[in-house]
Protein backbone atom coordinates (compact mmCIF):
# COMPACT_ATOMS: atom_id res chain seq x y z
CA MET A 1 24.39 6.27 37.26
CA GLN A 2 25.59 3.88 34.61
CA SER A 3 28.18 2.43 36.97
CA SER A 4 25.41 1.67 39.47
CA PHE A 5 23.56 -0.72 37.16
CA PRO A 6 25.84 -3.75 37.84
CA THR A 7 25.31 -3.24 41.57
CA ILE A 8 21.55 -2.98 41.11
CA ARG A 9 21.53 -6.22 39.13
CA LYS A 10 23.32 -7.98 41.98
CA VAL A 11 20.96 -6.56 44.59
CA PHE A 12 17.76 -7.39 42.68
CA PRO A 13 17.73 -11.15 43.58
CA TYR A 14 17.64 -10.17 47.26
CA LEU A 15 14.62 -7.94 46.64
CA TRP A 16 12.70 -10.44 44.52
CA PRO A 17 11.48 -12.69 47.40
CA TYR A 18 9.80 -9.63 48.94
CA ARG A 19 8.24 -8.35 45.73
CA VAL A 20 4.67 -8.48 47.12
CA PRO A 21 5.25 -6.25 50.17
CA PHE A 22 7.57 -4.13 48.02
CA LEU A 23 4.75 -3.53 45.49
CA ALA A 24 2.41 -2.80 48.40
CA ALA A 25 4.90 -0.21 49.64
CA LEU A 26 5.00 1.33 46.16
CA GLY A 27 1.19 1.55 46.25
CA GLN A 28 1.47 3.32 49.58
CA VAL A 29 3.85 5.81 47.96
CA PHE A 30 1.15 6.70 45.43
CA LEU A 31 -1.36 7.27 48.24
CA ILE A 32 1.18 9.40 50.11
CA SER A 33 1.77 11.45 46.96
CA ALA A 34 -1.97 11.93 46.50
CA CYS A 35 -2.26 13.21 50.06
CA GLU A 36 0.70 15.55 49.48
CA LEU A 37 -1.07 16.94 46.41
CA LEU A 38 -4.27 17.53 48.42
CA LYS A 39 -2.59 19.20 51.41
CA PRO A 40 -2.71 22.87 50.27
CA TRP A 41 -6.22 22.80 48.79
CA PRO A 42 -8.25 23.25 52.02
CA LEU A 43 -6.14 26.35 52.74
CA LYS A 44 -6.79 27.67 49.21
CA ILE A 45 -10.55 27.24 49.75
CA ILE A 46 -10.36 29.15 53.03
CA ILE A 47 -8.36 32.03 51.52
CA ASP A 48 -10.14 32.40 48.17
CA ASN A 49 -13.66 31.11 48.81
CA VAL A 50 -14.28 31.83 52.51
CA LEU A 51 -12.20 34.93 53.27
CA SER A 52 -12.25 36.54 49.80
CA ASN A 53 -15.81 35.36 49.10
CA GLN A 54 -14.98 34.10 45.60
CA PRO A 55 -17.50 31.61 44.23
CA LEU A 56 -16.35 27.96 44.40
CA ASP A 57 -16.83 26.19 41.08
CA TRP A 58 -16.63 22.68 42.57
CA ILE A 59 -20.07 21.15 41.99
CA TRP A 60 -20.15 19.09 45.20
CA LEU A 61 -19.12 22.08 47.40
CA GLY A 62 -20.43 25.01 45.37
CA GLY A 63 -23.75 25.42 47.20
CA LEU A 64 -22.40 25.54 50.74
CA GLN A 65 -22.57 28.61 52.94
CA GLN A 66 -19.28 30.24 54.01
CA ASP A 67 -19.50 28.98 57.61
CA THR A 68 -20.22 25.44 56.45
CA LEU A 69 -17.51 25.64 53.80
CA LEU A 70 -15.01 26.77 56.47
CA VAL A 71 -15.89 23.78 58.68
CA VAL A 72 -15.63 21.37 55.72
CA ALA A 73 -12.25 22.81 54.70
CA CYS A 74 -10.88 22.52 58.26
CA ILE A 75 -12.17 18.95 58.65
CA GLY A 76 -10.72 18.10 55.24
CA MET A 77 -7.35 19.46 56.33
CA VAL A 78 -7.35 17.25 59.46
CA VAL A 79 -8.50 14.17 57.52
CA ILE A 80 -5.76 14.63 54.92
CA TYR A 81 -3.04 14.92 57.60
CA VAL A 82 -4.36 11.95 59.61
CA LEU A 83 -4.53 9.82 56.46
CA LEU A 84 -1.07 10.97 55.39
CA GLY A 85 0.44 10.18 58.81
CA SER A 86 -1.17 6.73 58.93
CA ILE A 87 0.05 5.76 55.47
CA LEU A 88 3.54 7.10 56.22
CA LEU A 89 3.68 4.98 59.38
CA LEU A 90 2.59 1.88 57.46
CA ASN A 91 5.04 2.63 54.65
CA ASN A 92 7.97 3.10 57.04
CA TYR A 93 7.17 -0.20 58.78
CA THR A 94 6.89 -2.04 55.46
CA THR A 95 10.09 -0.66 53.94
CA ILE A 96 12.15 -1.14 57.12
CA LYS A 97 10.94 -4.73 57.45
CA ILE A 98 11.83 -5.47 53.81
CA GLY A 99 15.24 -3.86 54.26
CA GLN A 100 16.01 -5.83 57.42
CA ARG A 101 15.10 -9.12 55.75
CA MET A 102 17.34 -8.28 52.80
CA VAL A 103 20.19 -7.50 55.21
CA ASN A 104 19.63 -10.83 56.97
CA ASP A 105 19.60 -12.75 53.68
CA LEU A 106 22.75 -11.02 52.39
CA ARG A 107 24.53 -11.46 55.70
CA GLY A 108 23.61 -15.15 55.76
CA ASP A 109 24.93 -15.68 52.23
CA LEU A 110 28.17 -13.85 53.00
CA TYR A 111 28.79 -15.77 56.22
CA ASN A 112 27.99 -19.08 54.55
CA HIS A 113 30.29 -18.26 51.63
CA LEU A 114 33.15 -17.26 53.95
CA GLN A 115 32.94 -20.59 55.75
CA ARG A 116 33.31 -22.44 52.46
CA LEU A 117 36.30 -20.53 51.15
CA SER A 118 39.61 -22.31 51.58
CA LEU A 119 42.18 -21.66 54.26
CA SER A 120 44.37 -20.14 51.52
CA PHE A 121 41.82 -17.35 51.13
CA HIS A 122 41.51 -16.75 54.87
CA SER A 123 45.28 -16.68 55.30
CA ARG A 124 45.41 -13.74 52.87
CA ARG A 125 42.62 -11.68 54.48
CA GLN A 126 42.41 -9.69 57.69
CA VAL A 127 39.85 -11.06 60.12
CA GLY A 128 38.77 -7.56 61.17
CA ASP A 129 38.07 -6.58 57.56
CA LEU A 130 35.90 -9.66 57.01
CA LEU A 131 34.15 -8.99 60.32
CA TYR A 132 33.35 -5.42 59.22
CA ARG A 133 31.94 -6.65 55.92
CA VAL A 134 29.66 -9.15 57.65
CA ALA A 135 28.53 -6.89 60.50
CA ALA A 136 28.47 -3.41 58.92
CA ASP A 137 28.69 -3.47 55.13
CA THR A 138 25.68 -5.77 54.79
CA TYR A 139 23.43 -3.00 56.17
CA SER A 140 24.18 -1.05 53.00
CA ILE A 141 21.71 -3.11 50.98
CA GLN A 142 18.88 -1.70 53.09
CA SER A 143 19.83 1.93 52.62
CA LEU A 144 20.68 1.40 48.96
CA THR A 145 17.26 -0.06 48.11
CA MET A 146 14.84 1.51 50.58
CA ASN A 147 16.50 4.95 50.62
CA GLY A 148 17.13 4.81 46.88
CA VAL A 149 13.96 3.45 45.30
CA PHE A 150 11.16 5.03 47.31
CA PRO A 151 12.33 8.66 47.35
CA ILE A 152 12.81 8.50 43.58
CA VAL A 153 9.37 6.95 42.96
CA SER A 154 7.74 9.42 45.32
CA ALA A 155 9.53 12.31 43.62
CA VAL A 156 8.48 11.17 40.15
CA VAL A 157 4.83 10.75 41.17
CA LEU A 158 4.78 14.14 42.87
CA LEU A 159 6.56 15.80 39.97
CA VAL A 160 4.04 14.47 37.46
CA GLY A 161 1.02 15.29 39.64
CA MET A 162 2.23 18.78 40.56
CA PHE A 163 3.32 19.52 37.01
CA VAL A 164 -0.19 18.81 35.71
CA ILE A 165 -1.82 21.02 38.37
CA MET A 166 0.78 23.81 38.35
CA ILE A 167 0.94 24.22 34.58
CA ARG A 168 -2.84 24.75 34.52
CA MET A 169 -2.46 27.53 37.08
CA ASP A 170 0.54 29.36 35.63
CA TRP A 171 2.79 27.79 33.02
CA VAL A 172 5.46 30.49 33.41
CA LEU A 173 5.88 29.81 37.12
CA THR A 174 5.88 26.08 36.45
CA LEU A 175 8.77 26.34 34.01
CA LEU A 176 10.66 28.58 36.43
CA ALA A 177 10.10 26.08 39.25
CA LEU A 178 11.39 23.20 37.13
CA GLY A 179 14.32 25.27 35.90
CA VAL A 180 16.45 24.33 38.91
CA CYS A 181 16.17 20.61 38.19
CA PRO A 182 18.95 20.56 35.56
CA LEU A 183 21.25 22.36 38.02
CA LEU A 184 20.49 19.78 40.72
CA LEU A 185 21.12 16.89 38.33
CA LEU A 186 24.39 18.54 37.25
CA SER A 187 25.54 18.81 40.86
CA ILE A 188 24.74 15.10 41.37
CA SER A 189 26.80 14.21 38.33
CA VAL A 190 29.76 16.38 39.32
CA PHE A 191 29.94 15.22 42.95
CA GLY A 192 29.01 11.57 42.39
CA LYS A 193 32.50 10.18 41.69
CA THR A 194 34.15 12.30 44.39
CA LEU A 195 31.68 11.13 47.01
CA THR A 196 32.06 7.50 45.93
CA SER A 197 35.85 7.71 46.23
CA ALA A 198 35.64 9.38 49.64
CA ALA A 199 33.11 6.79 50.86
CA THR A 200 35.34 3.92 49.68
CA THR A 201 38.36 5.32 51.53
CA ALA A 202 36.31 5.86 54.69
CA ARG A 203 35.06 2.25 54.64
CA GLN A 204 38.54 0.86 54.11
CA GLN A 205 40.02 2.93 56.95
CA GLU A 206 37.22 1.94 59.32
CA SER A 207 37.77 -1.69 58.35
CA GLU A 208 41.48 -1.31 59.21
CA VAL A 209 40.53 -0.14 62.71
CA TYR A 210 38.41 -3.27 63.15
CA SER A 211 41.36 -5.41 62.02
CA LEU A 212 43.78 -3.76 64.46
CA VAL A 213 41.41 -4.21 67.40
CA GLN A 214 40.76 -7.85 66.48
CA ARG A 215 44.47 -8.63 66.22
CA ALA A 216 45.24 -6.91 69.51
CA MET A 217 42.43 -8.61 71.43
CA SER A 218 43.56 -12.00 70.09
CA ALA A 219 47.20 -11.41 71.08
CA MET A 220 46.71 -9.61 74.38
CA ARG A 221 48.89 -12.06 76.31
CA VAL A 222 51.80 -11.53 73.90
CA ILE A 223 51.34 -7.74 73.93
CA GLN A 224 51.47 -7.62 77.72
CA ALA A 225 54.29 -10.16 77.95
CA PHE A 226 56.52 -8.02 75.73
CA THR A 227 55.22 -4.71 77.16
CA LYS A 228 54.04 -3.51 73.76
CA GLU A 229 50.94 -1.74 75.09
CA GLU A 230 52.18 1.77 74.21
CA GLU A 231 53.33 0.76 70.74
CA GLU A 232 50.02 -0.96 70.01
CA HIS A 233 48.17 2.07 71.36
CA ARG A 234 50.13 4.36 69.01
CA ARG A 235 49.39 2.04 66.09
CA PHE A 236 45.69 2.06 66.98
CA MET A 237 45.59 5.84 67.37
CA ARG A 238 47.22 6.34 63.95
CA ALA A 239 44.66 4.05 62.33
CA SER A 240 41.82 5.71 64.25
CA GLU A 241 42.95 9.20 63.24
CA GLN A 242 43.21 8.16 59.60
CA SER A 243 39.75 6.62 59.77
CA LEU A 244 38.23 9.68 61.42
CA GLY A 245 40.03 11.93 58.93
CA SER A 246 38.53 9.99 56.02
CA SER A 247 35.09 10.16 57.63
CA LEU A 248 35.51 13.90 58.20
CA ARG A 249 36.45 14.43 54.54
CA LEU A 250 33.36 12.47 53.48
CA TYR A 251 31.20 14.48 55.88
CA VAL A 252 32.59 17.80 54.62
CA LEU A 253 31.95 16.79 51.01
CA GLN A 254 28.41 15.69 51.86
CA THR A 255 27.77 18.91 53.79
CA PHE A 256 29.18 21.11 51.02
CA TYR A 257 27.10 19.21 48.50
CA SER A 258 24.01 19.61 50.71
CA GLY A 259 24.66 23.36 51.07
CA LEU A 260 25.07 23.77 47.31
CA VAL A 261 21.75 22.01 46.75
CA ASN A 262 20.05 24.25 49.32
CA VAL A 263 21.42 27.38 47.63
CA ILE A 264 20.18 26.24 44.22
CA MET A 265 16.73 25.52 45.69
CA ALA A 266 16.65 28.86 47.53
CA VAL A 267 17.43 30.72 44.30
CA GLY A 268 14.67 28.82 42.49
CA THR A 269 12.17 29.50 45.27
CA ALA A 270 13.03 33.23 45.39
CA VAL A 271 12.56 33.59 41.61
CA VAL A 272 9.21 31.77 41.69
CA VAL A 273 7.92 33.80 44.67
CA TRP A 274 8.99 37.08 43.06
CA VAL A 275 7.34 36.30 39.71
CA GLY A 276 4.27 34.82 41.48
CA ALA A 277 3.80 37.92 43.63
CA ARG A 278 3.84 40.10 40.52
CA HIS A 279 1.22 37.84 38.91
CA VAL A 280 -0.98 38.24 42.00
CA MET A 281 -0.56 42.03 41.85
CA SER A 282 -1.50 42.00 38.17
CA GLY A 283 -4.61 39.92 38.90
CA THR A 284 -3.64 36.86 36.81
CA LEU A 285 -3.21 34.71 39.93
CA SER A 286 -5.22 34.64 43.19
CA VAL A 287 -3.71 34.71 46.66
CA GLY A 288 -4.98 31.16 47.30
CA GLU A 289 -3.44 29.95 44.06
CA ILE A 290 -0.04 31.41 44.92
CA VAL A 291 -0.31 29.66 48.34
CA VAL A 292 -1.02 26.36 46.55
CA PHE A 293 1.78 27.06 44.11
CA THR A 294 4.25 27.87 46.89
CA SER A 295 3.20 24.77 48.81
CA TYR A 296 3.71 22.67 45.70
CA LEU A 297 7.05 24.33 45.20
CA ALA A 298 8.15 23.15 48.66
CA SER A 299 6.75 19.72 47.91
CA LEU A 300 8.46 19.77 44.52
CA TYR A 301 11.87 20.68 45.93
CA GLY A 302 11.41 18.44 48.96
CA PRO A 303 11.74 15.10 47.13
CA ILE A 304 14.48 16.51 44.89
CA ASN A 305 16.26 17.79 47.96
CA THR A 306 15.85 14.39 49.63
CA ILE A 307 17.36 12.63 46.64
CA SER A 308 20.18 15.16 46.46
CA GLN A 309 20.87 15.02 50.20
CA THR A 310 20.91 11.22 50.30
CA TRP A 311 22.91 10.83 47.10
CA GLY A 312 26.18 11.12 48.97
CA MET A 313 25.03 8.61 51.58
CA LEU A 314 23.88 6.28 48.82
CA GLN A 315 27.40 6.37 47.41
CA GLY A 316 28.63 5.02 50.73
CA SER A 317 25.88 2.39 50.68
CA LYS A 318 26.83 1.36 47.16
CA VAL A 319 30.45 1.00 48.25
CA GLY A 320 29.38 -1.16 51.20
CA VAL A 321 27.29 -3.43 48.96
CA GLN A 322 30.15 -3.70 46.46
CA ARG A 323 32.50 -4.73 49.28
CA VAL A 324 30.10 -7.51 50.23
CA PHE A 325 29.73 -8.76 46.66
CA GLU A 326 33.49 -8.56 46.22
CA ILE A 327 33.74 -11.43 48.72
CA LEU A 328 30.65 -13.26 47.43
CA GLU A 329 32.17 -13.27 43.94
CA VAL A 330 35.41 -14.88 45.11
CA GLU A 331 35.42 -18.24 43.40
CA ARG A 332 35.82 -21.20 45.68
CA ASP A 333 39.28 -22.56 44.95
CA LEU A 334 38.16 -25.91 46.34
CA PRO A 335 35.52 -27.05 43.80
CA GLU A 336 32.81 -29.18 45.36
CA GLY A 337 32.80 -32.85 44.36
CA THR A 338 29.70 -34.95 43.77
CA ARG A 339 30.48 -38.27 45.41
CA THR A 340 29.64 -39.27 48.97
CA PHE A 341 30.81 -42.06 51.20
CA SER A 342 28.49 -44.95 51.92
CA GLU A 343 26.83 -45.39 55.31
CA ASP A 344 29.63 -47.77 56.27
CA GLY A 345 32.12 -44.92 55.83
CA ALA A 346 35.63 -44.97 54.44
CA ARG A 347 37.88 -48.01 54.76
CA GLY A 348 40.84 -45.69 55.36
CA GLU A 349 43.24 -46.68 52.59
CA ILE A 350 45.13 -43.51 51.61
CA GLU A 351 47.52 -42.96 48.74
CA VAL A 352 49.53 -39.82 47.99
CA GLN A 353 50.69 -39.67 44.37
CA GLY A 354 53.34 -37.15 43.30
CA VAL A 355 51.96 -34.34 45.46
CA SER A 356 53.65 -30.93 45.33
CA PHE A 357 52.34 -27.86 47.13
CA HIS A 358 53.28 -24.25 47.76
CA TYR A 359 51.64 -21.32 49.54
CA VAL A 360 53.77 -18.83 47.61
CA PRO A 361 55.00 -19.54 44.07
CA GLU A 362 58.69 -20.37 43.83
CA GLN A 363 58.67 -21.42 47.50
CA PRO A 364 57.65 -25.11 47.48
CA VAL A 365 56.55 -26.65 50.76
CA LEU A 366 56.09 -30.23 49.51
CA ARG A 367 57.92 -31.80 46.58
CA LYS A 368 56.71 -34.92 44.74
CA ILE A 369 55.43 -36.77 47.81
CA ASP A 370 54.51 -40.44 47.23
CA LEU A 371 52.98 -42.51 49.99
CA LYS A 372 50.72 -45.54 50.51
CA VAL A 373 48.95 -46.08 53.81
CA ARG A 374 47.01 -49.26 54.51
CA LYS A 375 43.72 -49.43 56.39
CA GLY A 376 44.26 -49.07 60.14
CA GLN A 377 47.93 -48.18 59.81
CA LYS A 378 49.44 -45.66 62.21
CA VAL A 379 51.79 -43.22 60.47
CA ALA A 380 54.08 -40.83 62.37
CA ILE A 381 55.46 -37.79 60.54
CA VAL A 382 58.62 -36.24 61.97
CA GLY A 383 61.04 -33.57 60.90
CA PRO A 384 62.26 -30.06 61.72
CA THR A 385 59.82 -27.19 62.06
CA GLY A 386 58.56 -25.80 58.75
CA VAL A 387 59.22 -28.85 56.54
CA GLY A 388 55.54 -29.35 55.65
CA LYS A 389 54.30 -31.88 58.22
CA SER A 390 51.04 -30.06 59.02
CA THR A 391 50.62 -29.11 55.38
CA LEU A 392 50.80 -32.73 54.28
CA VAL A 393 48.03 -33.89 56.64
CA SER A 394 45.96 -30.76 55.79
CA LEU A 395 45.70 -31.95 52.18
CA ILE A 396 43.77 -35.07 53.21
CA PRO A 397 40.60 -33.22 54.36
CA ARG A 398 41.17 -30.69 51.53
CA PHE A 399 41.94 -27.65 53.59
CA TYR A 400 44.11 -27.00 50.53
CA ASP A 401 44.50 -28.64 47.14
CA PRO A 402 47.98 -29.54 45.86
CA GLN A 403 49.30 -27.74 42.79
CA SER A 404 50.22 -31.13 41.30
CA GLY A 405 49.59 -34.74 42.12
CA ARG A 406 46.58 -36.16 43.90
CA ILE A 407 45.43 -37.83 47.11
CA LEU A 408 43.23 -40.93 47.05
CA ILE A 409 40.99 -42.37 49.75
CA ASP A 410 39.91 -45.94 49.04
CA GLY A 411 41.12 -45.49 45.47
CA THR A 412 39.11 -42.31 44.76
CA ASP A 413 40.56 -38.82 44.36
CA VAL A 414 39.48 -36.70 47.33
CA LYS A 415 38.45 -33.94 44.89
CA GLU A 416 35.57 -36.14 43.72
CA PHE A 417 33.94 -36.16 47.16
CA GLN A 418 31.65 -33.55 48.60
CA LEU A 419 33.64 -31.64 51.21
CA LYS A 420 31.10 -32.32 53.94
CA SER A 421 31.11 -36.06 53.20
CA LEU A 422 34.91 -36.17 53.01
CA ARG A 423 35.52 -34.31 56.26
CA SER A 424 32.88 -36.35 58.09
CA GLN A 425 35.25 -39.34 57.70
CA ILE A 426 38.12 -37.56 59.46
CA SER A 427 38.68 -36.68 63.12
CA MET A 428 41.34 -34.08 63.82
CA VAL A 429 43.33 -32.72 66.71
CA LEU A 430 44.92 -29.56 65.38
CA GLN A 431 47.40 -26.97 66.64
CA PRO A 432 46.88 -24.72 68.44
CA PRO A 433 44.12 -26.42 70.48
CA LEU A 434 40.96 -24.40 69.91
CA VAL A 435 37.95 -24.34 72.22
CA PHE A 436 34.86 -22.16 71.97
CA PRO A 437 33.17 -19.90 74.55
CA MET A 438 30.50 -22.50 75.31
CA THR A 439 30.10 -25.33 77.82
CA ILE A 440 32.70 -28.09 78.05
CA ARG A 441 30.05 -30.61 77.00
CA GLU A 442 29.25 -28.55 73.88
CA ASN A 443 32.97 -28.22 73.11
CA ILE A 444 33.53 -31.97 73.25
CA ALA A 445 30.35 -32.67 71.25
CA TYR A 446 31.10 -29.92 68.71
CA GLY A 447 31.72 -32.39 65.88
CA ARG A 448 28.84 -34.61 66.93
CA PRO A 449 26.08 -32.57 68.63
CA SER A 450 23.76 -35.59 68.84
CA ALA A 451 26.10 -37.45 71.20
CA THR A 452 24.60 -38.58 74.50
CA PRO A 453 26.01 -37.40 77.86
CA ASP A 454 27.44 -40.90 78.45
CA GLU A 455 29.28 -40.76 75.10
CA VAL A 456 30.71 -37.34 75.98
CA VAL A 457 31.93 -38.68 79.33
CA PHE A 458 33.44 -41.77 77.64
CA ALA A 459 35.42 -39.55 75.24
CA ALA A 460 36.53 -37.32 78.10
CA ARG A 461 37.75 -40.36 80.05
CA LEU A 462 39.85 -41.56 77.12
CA ALA A 463 41.31 -38.05 76.76
CA ARG A 464 42.05 -38.03 80.52
CA ILE A 465 40.07 -34.80 81.08
CA HIS A 466 37.04 -36.29 82.92
CA GLU A 467 38.43 -36.01 86.44
CA THR A 468 39.41 -32.39 85.83
CA VAL A 469 35.94 -31.53 84.56
CA GLU A 470 34.26 -33.29 87.47
CA ARG A 471 36.09 -31.02 89.91
CA LEU A 472 34.58 -27.89 88.32
CA PRO A 473 31.50 -26.36 90.05
CA GLN A 474 29.22 -26.90 87.03
CA GLY A 475 31.04 -29.96 85.69
CA TYR A 476 30.42 -30.47 82.01
CA GLU A 477 28.09 -27.45 81.97
CA THR A 478 30.97 -25.11 82.89
CA ILE A 479 31.28 -22.37 80.28
CA VAL A 480 34.76 -21.97 78.83
CA GLY A 481 36.15 -18.43 78.59
CA GLU A 482 36.93 -16.69 75.30
CA GLN A 483 39.69 -18.64 73.49
CA GLY A 484 39.77 -21.05 76.42
CA ALA A 485 41.23 -18.42 78.76
CA THR A 486 39.82 -20.20 81.84
CA LEU A 487 41.63 -23.45 80.97
CA SER A 488 45.28 -24.39 80.87
CA GLU A 489 46.95 -25.24 77.58
CA GLY A 490 46.99 -28.92 78.51
CA GLU A 491 43.29 -28.90 79.41
CA ARG A 492 42.41 -27.28 76.11
CA GLN A 493 44.50 -29.90 74.33
CA ARG A 494 42.71 -32.76 76.09
CA ILE A 495 39.28 -31.29 75.29
CA THR A 496 40.19 -31.20 71.59
CA ILE A 497 41.36 -34.82 71.85
CA ALA A 498 38.03 -35.77 73.45
CA ARG A 499 36.29 -33.95 70.58
CA ALA A 500 38.20 -36.05 68.04
CA ILE A 501 37.51 -39.26 69.99
CA LEU A 502 33.77 -38.54 70.06
CA ARG A 503 33.72 -37.89 66.30
CA ASN A 504 34.58 -41.59 65.89
CA ALA A 505 35.73 -41.28 62.27
CA PRO A 506 37.71 -43.96 60.35
CA ILE A 507 40.60 -41.57 59.64
CA LEU A 508 42.36 -39.74 62.45
CA ILE A 509 44.79 -36.82 62.21
CA LEU A 510 46.70 -35.83 65.34
CA ASP A 511 48.87 -32.74 65.04
CA GLU A 512 51.23 -33.01 68.03
CA PRO A 513 48.39 -34.17 70.31
CA THR A 514 50.45 -34.24 73.50
CA SER A 515 52.68 -31.22 72.98
CA SER A 516 51.04 -29.20 75.76
CA VAL A 517 50.96 -31.81 78.53
CA ASP A 518 53.51 -33.23 80.90
CA ALA A 519 55.07 -36.66 80.48
CA GLU A 520 52.78 -38.33 83.05
CA THR A 521 49.61 -36.96 81.43
CA GLU A 522 50.99 -37.83 78.03
CA ALA A 523 51.35 -41.45 79.03
CA LEU A 524 47.73 -41.53 80.21
CA ILE A 525 46.50 -39.82 77.03
CA MET A 526 48.47 -42.19 74.83
CA ASP A 527 46.77 -45.14 76.52
CA GLY A 528 43.42 -43.60 75.55
CA LEU A 529 44.64 -42.80 72.04
CA ASN A 530 45.78 -46.38 71.59
CA GLU A 531 42.17 -47.43 72.09
CA LEU A 532 41.04 -44.69 69.71
CA THR A 533 43.54 -45.47 66.94
CA ALA A 534 42.89 -49.21 66.96
CA GLY A 535 41.50 -50.11 63.54
CA ARG A 536 41.68 -46.50 62.33
CA THR A 537 44.06 -45.03 59.79
CA THR A 538 46.00 -42.53 61.86
CA PHE A 539 48.45 -39.74 61.01
CA ILE A 540 50.42 -38.36 63.93
CA ILE A 541 52.73 -35.39 63.67
CA ALA A 542 55.13 -36.68 66.27
CA HIS A 543 56.55 -34.66 69.10
CA ARG A 544 57.69 -37.24 71.62
CA LEU A 545 59.48 -40.51 71.44
CA SER A 546 56.65 -42.62 72.82
CA THR A 547 54.45 -41.65 69.88
CA VAL A 548 57.18 -42.45 67.38
CA ARG A 549 57.89 -45.88 68.89
CA GLN A 550 54.27 -47.00 68.56
CA ALA A 551 53.88 -46.00 64.89
CA ASP A 552 53.62 -48.65 62.16
CA LEU A 553 55.38 -46.30 59.76
CA ILE A 554 57.59 -43.27 60.37
CA LEU A 555 58.05 -40.62 57.67
CA VAL A 556 61.03 -38.30 57.93
CA LEU A 557 60.46 -35.00 56.11
CA ARG A 558 63.18 -32.56 55.16
CA SER A 559 62.89 -29.63 52.73
CA GLY A 560 59.44 -30.80 51.68
CA GLU A 561 60.53 -34.32 50.75
CA ILE A 562 60.31 -37.72 52.38
CA VAL A 563 63.97 -38.54 52.92
CA GLU A 564 63.35 -41.71 54.88
CA GLN A 565 60.51 -44.01 55.95
CA GLY A 566 60.15 -47.25 57.89
CA THR A 567 59.51 -48.59 61.38
CA PHE A 568 61.33 -47.24 64.40
CA GLU A 569 63.69 -50.22 64.56
CA GLU A 570 64.38 -50.10 60.81
CA LEU A 571 65.24 -46.40 60.84
CA ILE A 572 67.50 -46.71 63.87
CA ALA A 573 69.32 -49.61 62.24
CA ARG A 574 69.96 -47.72 59.01
CA ASP A 575 72.08 -45.00 60.59
CA GLY A 576 70.33 -42.54 58.26
CA PRO A 577 68.82 -39.06 58.95
CA PHE A 578 66.37 -40.37 61.54
CA SER A 579 69.08 -42.23 63.46
CA VAL A 580 71.40 -39.20 63.41
CA LEU A 581 68.67 -36.90 64.67
CA TYR A 582 67.58 -39.45 67.26
CA HIS A 583 71.04 -39.85 68.75
CA THR A 584 71.63 -36.09 68.59
CA GLN A 585 68.37 -35.41 70.41
CA PHE A 586 68.39 -38.20 72.98
CA GLY A 587 72.00 -39.29 73.11
CA LEU A 588 73.23 -42.84 73.25
CA GLY A 589 72.79 -43.18 76.96
CA GLY A 590 69.07 -42.72 77.38
CA GLU A 591 65.89 -41.08 76.34
CA LYS A 592 65.03 -37.59 77.50
CA GLU A 593 61.39 -36.65 77.54
CA ASN A 594 61.77 -33.78 75.13
CA GLY A 595 60.67 -33.06 71.62
CA LEU A 596 62.06 -35.40 69.03
CA PHE A 597 63.31 -32.63 66.76
CA GLY A 598 62.93 -29.60 68.97
């Protein structure tokens, strides 16, 4: 139990907002316990005072005739059960409602926290595992609190009430009845750690199944293209069998534990009934009293049995809650700044000072990058695959923070700005082009939901996607398939360009914006982008020659360093790395419409 206290402390803030209905539910538990204590007494009156004709020493019922007393006892029995059922119904509704609200609050906090963790965190985690924690593990807070608190409170109230009544009837039987409690507590202690370990393994294996399914569904085209269906099926079946095996082990342990508890309770009940029957035969206990005692015995073992039976399940719930808080306690490695941009927005002057970055220690991606970009300047970044082009532009909106050096916007370190304020100044076209399963209009207006239909159309025209959309049956209200499956790669690319155009931010980042379109469409898109980039500070990860020619500054990256920079004409004239690569790629006799560096 000691190890559960940290978890309880973390859960308590989610219970606090619902303290009033929670206290009301606790009050209902006391009423339920009172009804449970009253349940056997009408039957005792019928057996001892109606059938056996013993005088009833209750002042308010003592003068009644046997027929009248029988009617009163029967009516009392019905009233008690009706009252008990009504309060139970109200209590179940109250506790379930509290639990659901706690689940919703915890789920909201987890989802919000995940969205604010850096891309470095998400690159290290499996999407399926995070999905399982959000969708499934969050339910554990409901079972941990509602199935943990109320059975214990109910058991304590019943134990105290029944102990007072039972010890006045027969103290020997009472002590015998309570004698099984230490054995039950011992079984809880012995099995607790084993059940917790088994529950943890089962959760992890189930999470792995989620991850495998998520990965496969996201890569279905690749799986089918390389005919890997059977291999993926075998991988899934292995994970599924391991998951089911872990669940079976947990179920067996819970069942064995449940059976052990039932045996202990059966032994206790048999001893009490045997001793009680002998007391009845000796005349020290009436038949009605032994009925009450036996009823109380069932009611006494019932709550204890409930706690014992659910203890194993609560271990699984505790593991689920711990898995949620494991993510919630991950510190944001991108500390939030305090500054915001003015209503006029950023000017767009950007300076990179001695920036170095790595994803994995000892494997640097960027090395001591220095760069100054003036307001409205268009910068093209070229170089072989994997030299850090996308990484460099990702540092500007703080998708990552460099290990050394800093990046300034308008003379201020980007770390000083609030992330929301910083990113609101930047429009981005990223790779791969990502669209959502919503309407085309909503996709284009994703970064600016308040945009008018005319503004959406204007952005689509600049991105050269308007005519394509107009030909669709529902036009801009056409719903895009999952991961843009109903669109071509080029259409998805142009929608993301329209999204960036509509954002209308002073800083623009284009990560190979025309890589998925043909040369004719590229020329049309570049005309639109020329209008978009006018007056805006623009970074373009270049793919084609036309983009490179129009840049004010070209950066050539190699091995994480800027090995050359200048205008197109300057770099060609130098006969340096850019010129060598240019002539190798395009030859001296002309320009082929292919990638600049492959």
